[in-house]
Amino acid sequence: MMPLTMAGIGETVTIAKVTGKEEVCQHLAELGFVPAADVTIVSKISGNLIIRVKGSRIALDKTMANRILY
């Protein structure tokens, strides 16, 4: 498994696991970052990502994106 920050721009990946404290995992789950969900990397700026998930675009900083594994 690799963190979401390793995916390329335009690449669609399937989430395998979300790591971190329970409240962090819950927050990411509410945004749609759950195992088996497909996400697309829209852009990367200084390690921060804009990600399309379930029809929405979500901005995540590098720290949060590293908690999401595919």
N, C-alpha and C. Protein backbone atom coordinates (compact mmCIF):
# COMPACT_ATOMS: atom_id res chain seq x y z
N MET A 1 0.84 -1.19 0.00
CA MET A 1 0.00 0.00 0.00
C MET A 1 0.88 1.25 0.00
N MET A 2 0.38 2.28 -0.68
CA MET A 2 1.10 3.55 -0.75
C MET A 2 0.15 4.69 -0.34
N PRO A 3 0.71 5.78 0.20
CA PRO A 3 -0.14 6.92 0.57
C PRO A 3 -0.66 7.63 -0.68
N LEU A 4 -1.77 8.31 -0.55
CA LEU A 4 -2.40 9.01 -1.65
C LEU A 4 -1.47 10.04 -2.29
N THR A 5 -0.52 10.56 -1.52
CA THR A 5 0.41 11.56 -2.06
C THR A 5 1.30 10.99 -3.16
N MET A 6 1.38 9.66 -3.27
CA MET A 6 2.22 9.03 -4.29
C MET A 6 1.49 8.87 -5.63
N ALA A 7 0.18 9.04 -5.64
CA ALA A 7 -0.59 8.89 -6.88
C ALA A 7 -0.33 10.10 -7.79
N GLY A 8 -0.38 9.87 -9.09
CA GLY A 8 -0.13 10.93 -10.05
C GLY A 8 -1.38 11.74 -10.36
N ILE A 9 -1.17 12.93 -10.90
CA ILE A 9 -2.29 13.79 -11.30
C ILE A 9 -3.09 13.09 -12.39
N GLY A 10 -4.40 13.07 -12.24
CA GLY A 10 -5.28 12.41 -13.19
C GLY A 10 -5.48 10.94 -12.92
N GLU A 11 -4.73 10.39 -11.99
CA GLU A 11 -4.82 8.97 -11.68
C GLU A 11 -6.02 8.70 -10.76
N THR A 12 -6.74 7.63 -11.05
CA THR A 12 -7.85 7.20 -10.20
C THR A 12 -7.40 5.95 -9.45
N VAL A 13 -7.52 5.99 -8.13
CA VAL A 13 -7.10 4.87 -7.30
C VAL A 13 -8.24 4.46 -6.38
N THR A 14 -8.16 3.26 -5.85
CA THR A 14 -9.16 2.76 -4.90
C THR A 14 -8.55 2.73 -3.51
N ILE A 15 -9.21 3.35 -2.57
CA ILE A 15 -8.71 3.42 -1.20
C ILE A 15 -8.71 2.03 -0.58
N ALA A 16 -7.59 1.67 0.05
CA ALA A 16 -7.47 0.37 0.71
C ALA A 16 -7.67 0.51 2.22
N LYS A 17 -7.15 1.63 2.79
CA LYS A 17 -7.16 1.78 4.25
C LYS A 17 -6.99 3.25 4.61
N VAL A 18 -7.58 3.65 5.72
CA VAL A 18 -7.38 4.99 6.27
C VAL A 18 -6.79 4.82 7.66
N THR A 19 -5.65 5.46 7.91
CA THR A 19 -4.97 5.31 9.20
C THR A 19 -5.10 6.58 10.03
N GLY A 20 -4.75 6.48 11.30
CA GLY A 20 -4.77 7.65 12.17
C GLY A 20 -5.70 7.45 13.34
N LYS A 21 -5.86 8.51 14.14
CA LYS A 21 -6.74 8.46 15.30
C LYS A 21 -8.18 8.31 14.85
N GLU A 22 -9.01 7.79 15.74
CA GLU A 22 -10.42 7.52 15.43
C GLU A 22 -11.14 8.75 14.90
N GLU A 23 -10.92 9.91 15.53
CA GLU A 23 -11.62 11.12 15.09
C GLU A 23 -11.18 11.56 13.70
N VAL A 24 -9.91 11.35 13.38
CA VAL A 24 -9.39 11.69 12.04
C VAL A 24 -10.01 10.76 11.00
N CYS A 25 -10.04 9.47 11.30
CA CYS A 25 -10.64 8.49 10.38
C CYS A 25 -12.12 8.80 10.16
N GLN A 26 -12.81 9.18 11.23
CA GLN A 26 -14.24 9.50 11.13
C GLN A 26 -14.45 10.72 10.25
N HIS A 27 -13.63 11.75 10.43
CA HIS A 27 -13.73 12.97 9.63
C HIS A 27 -13.50 12.66 8.15
N LEU A 28 -12.47 11.87 7.85
CA LEU A 28 -12.19 11.50 6.46
C LEU A 28 -13.32 10.65 5.88
N ALA A 29 -13.89 9.77 6.69
CA ALA A 29 -15.02 8.93 6.24
C ALA A 29 -16.22 9.80 5.88
N GLU A 30 -16.46 10.84 6.67
CA GLU A 30 -17.57 11.75 6.39
C GLU A 30 -17.38 12.50 5.07
N LEU A 31 -16.12 12.71 4.69
CA LEU A 31 -15.82 13.36 3.41
C LEU A 31 -15.89 12.39 2.24
N GLY A 32 -15.99 11.09 2.53
CA GLY A 32 -16.09 10.09 1.47
C GLY A 32 -14.85 9.23 1.31
N PHE A 33 -13.84 9.45 2.14
CA PHE A 33 -12.61 8.66 2.06
C PHE A 33 -12.76 7.39 2.90
N VAL A 34 -13.37 6.38 2.29
CA VAL A 34 -13.60 5.09 2.95
C VAL A 34 -12.99 3.99 2.09
N PRO A 35 -12.62 2.86 2.70
CA PRO A 35 -12.08 1.74 1.92
C PRO A 35 -13.03 1.35 0.79
N ALA A 36 -12.45 1.03 -0.37
CA ALA A 36 -13.15 0.62 -1.59
C ALA A 36 -13.68 1.80 -2.40
N ALA A 37 -13.56 3.04 -1.90
CA ALA A 37 -14.00 4.20 -2.67
C ALA A 37 -12.94 4.55 -3.72
N ASP A 38 -13.39 4.94 -4.91
CA ASP A 38 -12.48 5.39 -5.96
C ASP A 38 -12.32 6.90 -5.84
N VAL A 39 -11.07 7.36 -5.91
CA VAL A 39 -10.77 8.79 -5.86
C VAL A 39 -9.82 9.14 -7.01
N THR A 40 -9.94 10.37 -7.50
CA THR A 40 -9.09 10.84 -8.59
C THR A 40 -8.29 12.05 -8.12
N ILE A 41 -7.00 12.05 -8.41
CA ILE A 41 -6.14 13.18 -8.05
C ILE A 41 -6.35 14.26 -9.11
N VAL A 42 -6.85 15.43 -8.69
CA VAL A 42 -7.11 16.53 -9.62
C VAL A 42 -5.86 17.38 -9.79
N SER A 43 -5.22 17.74 -8.67
CA SER A 43 -3.99 18.53 -8.75
C SER A 43 -3.17 18.38 -7.47
N LYS A 44 -1.89 18.73 -7.61
CA LYS A 44 -0.97 18.70 -6.48
C LYS A 44 -0.23 20.03 -6.44
N ILE A 45 -0.17 20.64 -5.26
CA ILE A 45 0.58 21.88 -5.08
C ILE A 45 1.37 21.75 -3.79
N SER A 46 2.68 21.70 -3.88
CA SER A 46 3.56 21.57 -2.71
C SER A 46 3.19 20.38 -1.83
N GLY A 47 2.76 19.28 -2.43
CA GLY A 47 2.41 18.10 -1.67
C GLY A 47 0.96 18.07 -1.21
N ASN A 48 0.28 19.21 -1.27
CA ASN A 48 -1.14 19.26 -0.93
C ASN A 48 -1.94 18.83 -2.16
N LEU A 49 -3.08 18.19 -1.94
CA LEU A 49 -3.84 17.60 -3.04
C LEU A 49 -5.24 18.15 -3.14
N ILE A 50 -5.74 18.19 -4.37
CA ILE A 50 -7.17 18.37 -4.61
C ILE A 50 -7.62 17.04 -5.20
N ILE A 51 -8.63 16.45 -4.58
CA ILE A 51 -9.04 15.09 -4.92
C ILE A 51 -10.53 15.08 -5.23
N ARG A 52 -10.91 14.36 -6.28
CA ARG A 52 -12.33 14.17 -6.59
C ARG A 52 -12.76 12.87 -5.95
N VAL A 53 -13.76 12.96 -5.09
CA VAL A 53 -14.30 11.78 -4.41
C VAL A 53 -15.82 11.90 -4.38
N LYS A 54 -16.51 10.89 -4.87
CA LYS A 54 -17.98 10.84 -4.87
C LYS A 54 -18.59 12.11 -5.46
N GLY A 55 -18.02 12.61 -6.55
CA GLY A 55 -18.58 13.77 -7.24
C GLY A 55 -18.21 15.12 -6.67
N SER A 56 -17.44 15.16 -5.59
CA SER A 56 -17.01 16.42 -4.98
C SER A 56 -15.51 16.57 -5.09
N ARG A 57 -15.04 17.82 -5.06
CA ARG A 57 -13.60 18.07 -5.02
C ARG A 57 -13.25 18.48 -3.60
N ILE A 58 -12.26 17.79 -3.03
CA ILE A 58 -11.84 18.02 -1.65
C ILE A 58 -10.35 18.36 -1.65
N ALA A 59 -9.98 19.38 -0.90
CA ALA A 59 -8.57 19.73 -0.74
C ALA A 59 -8.06 19.10 0.56
N LEU A 60 -6.93 18.42 0.48
CA LEU A 60 -6.32 17.81 1.65
C LEU A 60 -4.86 18.24 1.74
N ASP A 61 -4.41 18.52 2.96
CA ASP A 61 -2.98 18.82 3.10
C ASP A 61 -2.20 17.50 3.07
N LYS A 62 -0.91 17.65 2.94
CA LYS A 62 -0.03 16.49 2.79
C LYS A 62 -0.17 15.50 3.95
N THR A 63 -0.28 16.02 5.17
CA THR A 63 -0.39 15.16 6.37
C THR A 63 -1.63 14.27 6.31
N MET A 64 -2.78 14.87 5.96
CA MET A 64 -4.02 14.09 5.87
C MET A 64 -3.97 13.12 4.71
N ALA A 65 -3.44 13.55 3.57
CA ALA A 65 -3.38 12.69 2.39
C ALA A 65 -2.48 11.47 2.66
N ASN A 66 -1.46 11.63 3.47
CA ASN A 66 -0.57 10.51 3.80
C ASN A 66 -1.25 9.45 4.66
N ARG A 67 -2.37 9.78 5.29
CA ARG A 67 -3.11 8.82 6.11
C ARG A 67 -4.01 7.91 5.28
N ILE A 68 -4.21 8.29 4.02
CA ILE A 68 -5.10 7.52 3.13
C ILE A 68 -4.22 6.65 2.23
N LEU A 69 -4.39 5.34 2.32
CA LEU A 69 -3.55 4.39 1.58
C LEU A 69 -4.34 3.71 0.46
N TYR A 70 -3.63 3.49 -0.65
CA TYR A 70 -4.26 2.75 -1.76
C TYR A 70 -3.38 1.61 -2.19
